[in-house]
Amino acid sequence: MKTDSLFYEIFQADPSIIFELINSKFPRNATYSFTSVEVKETSFRMDGILIPPIYATDLPIVFVEVQGYRDTKKVLYSSFISEIFLYLYDYQPVNDWEGVLIFTKRSLDPGLPRNYRVFGSSEQFHRIYLDELNENTDISLGLSLLQLVGLREELATTRGRELITRTRQEVTDAKTQSKFIELIETVFVYKFPDSMREEIEAMLGLNELKQTRVYREALEEGLEQGLEQGKLKAVPLLLKAGITVEEIAKQLGVDLAAVRKVAEEQSA
């Protein structure tokens, strides 16, 4: 996406976040795919589009744009709205549509231009400000992750640790849990671009896991066994300790794909 691949990763991992942002019920009986699409006539590239299954003609196509910097050229609204209608012209879908414009903070919104004022009261067009999201603790993990993006840096560390704790408590699928913790780390990489990975792990308390007995014993057992197949026997314990599949592969010196496979088997 224009602000970076961070939001693309988040929405690909959990498309339902978009529906939660606009207070719309996620259609559980249909699987949306989140993708980026080029509008051929102009070579515009849509940041992201939620596309329902081909049979679900009653469900809307959702166009998504995230703005994380100041629109100095004053073209944000005209570009986004033009892209939507050019897409509709180009692909001729039978579905209805909705547009979601997400600002990491309200101050980045240049304001709706007068000639697009009809969208100001439209139920199809939504503007979201991440720095103003409700801080209700009952919101989903996905929405909490977006909220983390818009938080001031001095609040982010505490909230990030809380979110990792929630993830370990609420997400039982090892692969999904690992992916979500990885996304939280990625948010911190974007928020603290000058920090080393070890510093970010310290902020989030992830390095503390490496000092636990479970982690040390599992890692030692894996390293002692030597061969890759032997090392992979330590993966389930390391996953339980909350270590990401990427970190496990790195520490054990084994193929990442092999670790992912074990994680998937654990979740089955």
Protein backbone atom coordinates (compact mmCIF):
# COMPACT_ATOMS: atom_id res chain seq x y z
CA MET A 1 0.00 0.00 0.00
CA LYS A 2 1.10 3.61 -0.38
CA THR A 3 1.91 3.88 3.32
CA ASP A 4 3.73 0.53 3.07
CA SER A 5 3.00 -3.16 2.99
CA LEU A 6 2.09 -3.24 6.71
CA PHE A 7 -1.64 -2.67 6.23
CA TYR A 8 -1.77 -5.02 3.27
CA GLU A 9 -0.35 -7.78 5.49
CA ILE A 10 -2.82 -7.02 8.29
CA PHE A 11 -5.89 -7.02 6.06
CA GLN A 12 -4.74 -10.13 4.21
CA ALA A 13 -4.36 -11.91 7.55
CA ASP A 14 -7.81 -10.84 8.76
CA PRO A 15 -10.19 -9.22 6.22
CA SER A 16 -12.95 -9.03 8.86
CA ILE A 17 -11.12 -6.04 10.41
CA ILE A 18 -12.42 -3.86 7.56
CA PHE A 19 -16.03 -4.74 8.32
CA GLU A 20 -15.48 -4.12 12.02
CA LEU A 21 -14.06 -0.68 11.24
CA ILE A 22 -17.22 0.35 9.40
CA ASN A 23 -19.53 -1.33 11.94
CA SER A 24 -20.76 -3.86 9.41
CA LYS A 25 -21.29 -7.55 10.14
CA PHE A 26 -18.71 -9.78 8.47
CA PRO A 27 -20.48 -12.31 6.22
CA ARG A 28 -19.17 -15.51 7.78
CA ASN A 29 -20.76 -17.70 5.12
CA ALA A 30 -18.51 -16.18 2.46
CA THR A 31 -14.75 -15.92 2.19
CA TYR A 32 -13.50 -12.53 1.04
CA SER A 33 -10.10 -12.27 -0.60
CA PHE A 34 -7.98 -9.16 -0.09
CA THR A 35 -5.92 -8.17 -3.10
CA SER A 36 -4.42 -5.31 -5.09
CA VAL A 37 -5.84 -4.66 -8.56
CA GLU A 38 -4.71 -2.51 -11.46
CA VAL A 39 -7.21 -0.40 -13.39
CA LYS A 40 -5.99 -0.90 -16.95
CA GLU A 41 -7.08 2.33 -18.67
CA THR A 42 -5.01 4.57 -16.40
CA SER A 43 -2.56 2.15 -14.78
CA PHE A 44 -3.98 3.15 -11.40
CA ARG A 45 -3.28 0.50 -8.80
CA MET A 46 -5.85 0.06 -6.06
CA ASP A 47 -4.26 -0.19 -2.61
CA GLY A 48 -6.52 -3.02 -1.60
CA ILE A 49 -9.88 -4.51 -2.51
CA LEU A 50 -11.98 -7.00 -0.59
CA ILE A 51 -13.62 -9.17 -3.21
CA PRO A 52 -16.42 -11.60 -2.30
CA PRO A 53 -16.75 -15.02 -3.95
CA ILE A 54 -18.09 -14.91 -7.49
CA TYR A 55 -21.38 -16.50 -6.43
CA ALA A 56 -22.00 -13.92 -3.66
CA THR A 57 -23.48 -11.18 -5.86
CA ASP A 58 -25.42 -9.78 -2.88
CA LEU A 59 -22.22 -8.88 -1.00
CA PRO A 60 -20.36 -5.62 -1.65
CA ILE A 61 -16.90 -5.12 -3.06
CA VAL A 62 -14.94 -3.05 -0.54
CA PHE A 63 -12.25 -0.62 -1.72
CA VAL A 64 -9.60 0.26 0.88
CA GLU A 65 -7.07 3.10 0.99
CA VAL A 66 -4.73 3.84 3.92
CA GLN A 67 -3.14 7.26 4.32
CA GLY A 68 -0.13 7.54 6.61
CA TYR A 69 1.44 10.76 5.34
CA ARG A 70 0.36 14.30 4.47
CA ASP A 71 -1.38 14.73 1.12
CA THR A 72 0.67 17.70 -0.11
CA LYS A 73 -0.69 17.49 -3.66
CA LYS A 74 -4.32 17.51 -2.46
CA VAL A 75 -5.23 14.58 -4.72
CA LEU A 76 -6.11 11.88 -2.19
CA TYR A 77 -9.90 12.03 -2.47
CA SER A 78 -10.05 12.60 -6.22
CA SER A 79 -7.57 9.76 -6.82
CA PHE A 80 -9.35 7.25 -4.56
CA ILE A 81 -12.83 8.05 -5.85
CA SER A 82 -11.63 7.99 -9.47
CA GLU A 83 -9.98 4.61 -8.93
CA ILE A 84 -13.23 3.19 -7.55
CA PHE A 85 -15.33 4.30 -10.51
CA LEU A 86 -12.70 3.36 -13.07
CA TYR A 87 -12.58 -0.11 -11.52
CA LEU A 88 -16.38 -0.36 -11.76
CA TYR A 89 -16.19 0.73 -15.40
CA ASP A 90 -13.30 -1.59 -16.21
CA TYR A 91 -14.54 -4.78 -14.51
CA GLN A 92 -18.33 -4.19 -14.65
CA PRO A 93 -19.13 -6.11 -11.43
CA VAL A 94 -22.77 -6.75 -10.50
CA ASN A 95 -21.99 -6.29 -6.79
CA ASP A 96 -22.66 -3.15 -4.79
CA TRP A 97 -19.56 -1.38 -3.39
CA GLU A 98 -18.23 0.48 -0.34
CA GLY A 99 -15.14 2.67 0.04
CA VAL A 100 -13.05 2.83 3.22
CA LEU A 101 -10.44 5.57 3.59
CA ILE A 102 -8.25 4.96 6.65
CA PHE A 103 -6.03 7.69 8.13
CA THR A 104 -3.39 6.75 10.70
CA LYS A 105 -4.34 10.04 12.41
CA ARG A 106 -7.04 12.65 11.81
CA SER A 107 -4.56 15.46 11.18
CA LEU A 108 -3.61 13.75 7.90
CA ASP A 109 -7.11 14.18 6.48
CA PRO A 110 -6.99 17.17 4.08
CA GLY A 111 -10.77 17.37 4.11
CA LEU A 112 -13.33 16.28 1.55
CA PRO A 113 -13.15 18.58 -1.51
CA ARG A 114 -16.28 20.56 -2.21
CA ASN A 115 -16.88 18.87 -5.55
CA TYR A 116 -17.05 15.48 -3.81
CA ARG A 117 -19.33 16.64 -0.98
CA VAL A 118 -21.99 14.04 -1.87
CA PHE A 119 -19.67 11.38 -0.39
CA GLY A 120 -19.65 13.18 2.97
CA SER A 121 -23.10 11.84 3.83
CA SER A 122 -22.94 8.64 1.80
CA GLU A 123 -23.41 5.30 3.57
CA GLN A 124 -21.05 3.81 0.99
CA PHE A 125 -18.07 5.98 1.89
CA HIS A 126 -16.32 5.68 5.25
CA ARG A 127 -13.48 7.67 6.80
CA ILE A 128 -11.63 6.06 9.72
CA TYR A 129 -9.03 7.67 12.03
CA LEU A 130 -6.85 5.11 13.78
CA ASP A 131 -5.79 7.56 16.51
CA GLU A 132 -9.45 7.95 17.51
CA LEU A 133 -10.50 4.32 17.64
CA ASN A 134 -12.43 3.37 20.74
CA GLU A 135 -10.02 2.05 23.41
CA ASN A 136 -12.62 -0.45 24.61
CA THR A 137 -10.80 -3.63 25.69
CA ASP A 138 -13.62 -5.74 24.22
CA ILE A 139 -12.67 -4.96 20.63
CA SER A 140 -11.22 -7.76 18.53
CA LEU A 141 -7.52 -8.56 18.28
CA GLY A 142 -7.47 -7.36 14.69
CA LEU A 143 -8.96 -3.98 15.51
CA SER A 144 -6.64 -3.69 18.51
CA LEU A 145 -3.73 -4.22 16.13
CA LEU A 146 -4.90 -1.33 13.94
CA GLN A 147 -5.38 0.77 17.05
CA LEU A 148 -1.74 0.06 17.90
CA VAL A 149 -0.68 1.62 14.58
CA GLY A 150 -2.35 4.92 15.51
CA LEU A 151 -1.15 5.07 19.14
CA ARG A 152 1.37 7.61 20.33
CA GLU A 153 4.81 6.06 20.83
CA GLU A 154 4.77 6.56 24.61
CA LEU A 155 1.63 4.40 24.88
CA ALA A 156 2.53 1.81 22.26
CA THR A 157 4.88 -0.34 24.36
CA THR A 158 2.37 -1.04 27.13
CA ARG A 159 -0.43 -1.68 24.65
CA GLY A 160 1.80 -3.91 22.51
CA ARG A 161 2.67 -6.11 25.48
CA GLU A 162 -1.01 -6.34 26.43
CA LEU A 163 -1.89 -7.34 22.88
CA ILE A 164 0.73 -10.11 22.83
CA THR A 165 -0.65 -11.45 26.12
CA ARG A 166 -4.19 -11.41 24.67
CA THR A 167 -2.97 -13.19 21.55
CA ARG A 168 -1.42 -16.02 23.56
CA GLN A 169 -4.59 -16.36 25.64
CA GLU A 170 -7.17 -16.12 22.87
CA VAL A 171 -5.52 -17.67 19.81
CA THR A 172 -5.06 -21.42 20.18
CA ASP A 173 -3.97 -22.10 16.61
CA ALA A 174 -0.15 -22.07 16.74
CA LYS A 175 0.33 -20.82 13.18
CA THR A 176 -2.23 -18.01 13.57
CA GLN A 177 -0.79 -17.00 16.94
CA SER A 178 2.73 -16.85 15.53
CA LYS A 179 1.54 -14.79 12.54
CA PHE A 180 -0.29 -12.31 14.76
CA ILE A 181 2.69 -11.82 17.08
CA GLU A 182 4.83 -11.32 13.98
CA LEU A 183 2.41 -8.58 12.81
CA ILE A 184 2.66 -6.85 16.19
CA GLU A 185 6.45 -6.88 15.84
CA THR A 186 6.10 -5.49 12.31
CA VAL A 187 3.95 -2.61 13.59
CA PHE A 188 6.74 -1.75 16.04
CA VAL A 189 9.35 -1.89 13.28
CA TYR A 190 7.34 0.78 11.45
CA LYS A 191 6.71 2.85 14.59
CA PHE A 192 10.33 2.68 15.76
CA PRO A 193 12.38 2.56 12.52
CA ASP A 194 15.65 3.41 14.28
CA SER A 195 15.39 0.55 16.79
CA MET A 196 17.22 -2.75 16.41
CA ARG A 197 15.21 -5.99 16.39
CA GLU A 198 16.58 -6.88 19.82
CA GLU A 199 15.34 -3.53 21.17
CA ILE A 200 11.87 -4.11 19.74
CA GLU A 201 11.78 -7.59 21.26
CA ALA A 202 12.71 -6.02 24.60
CA MET A 203 9.93 -3.42 24.27
CA LEU A 204 7.38 -6.17 23.70
CA GLY A 205 8.80 -8.54 26.31
CA LEU A 206 9.53 -11.17 23.68
CA ASN A 207 13.15 -11.50 24.79
CA GLU A 208 11.92 -12.46 28.26
CA LEU A 209 10.52 -15.68 26.81
CA LYS A 210 14.00 -16.68 25.78
CA GLN A 211 15.04 -16.64 29.42
CA THR A 212 12.33 -19.09 30.50
CA ARG A 213 13.12 -22.67 31.41
CA VAL A 214 10.72 -24.02 28.76
CA TYR A 215 12.50 -22.11 26.01
CA ARG A 216 16.02 -23.01 27.18
CA GLU A 217 15.27 -26.71 27.61
CA ALA A 218 13.44 -27.01 24.28
CA LEU A 219 16.19 -25.16 22.45
CA GLU A 220 18.95 -27.21 24.11
CA GLU A 221 17.10 -30.44 23.28
CA GLY A 222 16.73 -29.41 19.66
CA LEU A 223 20.35 -28.35 19.28
CA GLU A 224 21.63 -31.50 20.98
CA GLN A 225 19.76 -33.76 18.57
CA GLY A 226 21.70 -32.28 15.70
CA LEU A 227 19.83 -33.53 12.65
CA GLU A 228 16.98 -31.39 11.31
CA GLN A 229 14.34 -34.03 12.03
CA GLY A 230 15.54 -34.23 15.63
CA LYS A 231 15.54 -30.47 16.04
CA LEU A 232 11.99 -30.25 14.72
CA LYS A 233 10.80 -32.29 17.72
CA ALA A 234 11.51 -29.22 19.86
CA VAL A 235 9.25 -26.97 17.74
CA PRO A 236 5.93 -27.68 19.58
CA LEU A 237 7.42 -26.65 22.93
CA LEU A 238 8.93 -23.50 21.45
CA LEU A 239 5.60 -22.63 19.87
CA LYS A 240 3.93 -23.05 23.26
CA ALA A 241 6.45 -20.61 24.68
CA GLY A 242 5.15 -18.05 22.19
CA ILE A 243 8.20 -17.99 19.91
CA THR A 244 7.47 -17.18 16.27
CA VAL A 245 8.18 -19.76 13.57
CA GLU A 246 10.78 -17.41 12.06
CA GLU A 247 12.68 -17.17 15.35
CA ILE A 248 12.48 -20.94 15.89
CA ALA A 249 13.93 -21.62 12.44
CA LYS A 250 16.72 -19.12 13.08
CA GLN A 251 17.64 -20.45 16.54
CA LEU A 252 17.53 -24.12 15.55
CA GLY A 253 19.17 -23.54 12.19
CA VAL A 254 16.47 -25.41 10.27
CA ASP A 255 14.40 -24.65 7.19
CA LEU A 256 11.55 -22.17 7.82
CA ALA A 257 9.13 -24.18 5.66
CA ALA A 258 9.77 -27.26 7.82
CA VAL A 259 8.97 -25.32 11.01
CA ARG A 260 5.79 -23.93 9.42
CA LYS A 261 4.73 -27.46 8.52
CA VAL A 262 5.13 -28.61 12.14
CA ALA A 263 3.15 -25.57 13.32
CA GLU A 264 0.34 -26.41 10.88
CA GLU A 265 0.28 -30.04 12.05
CA GLN A 266 0.05 -28.86 15.66
CA SER A 267 -2.94 -26.70 14.76
CA ALA A 268 -4.78 -29.39 12.82
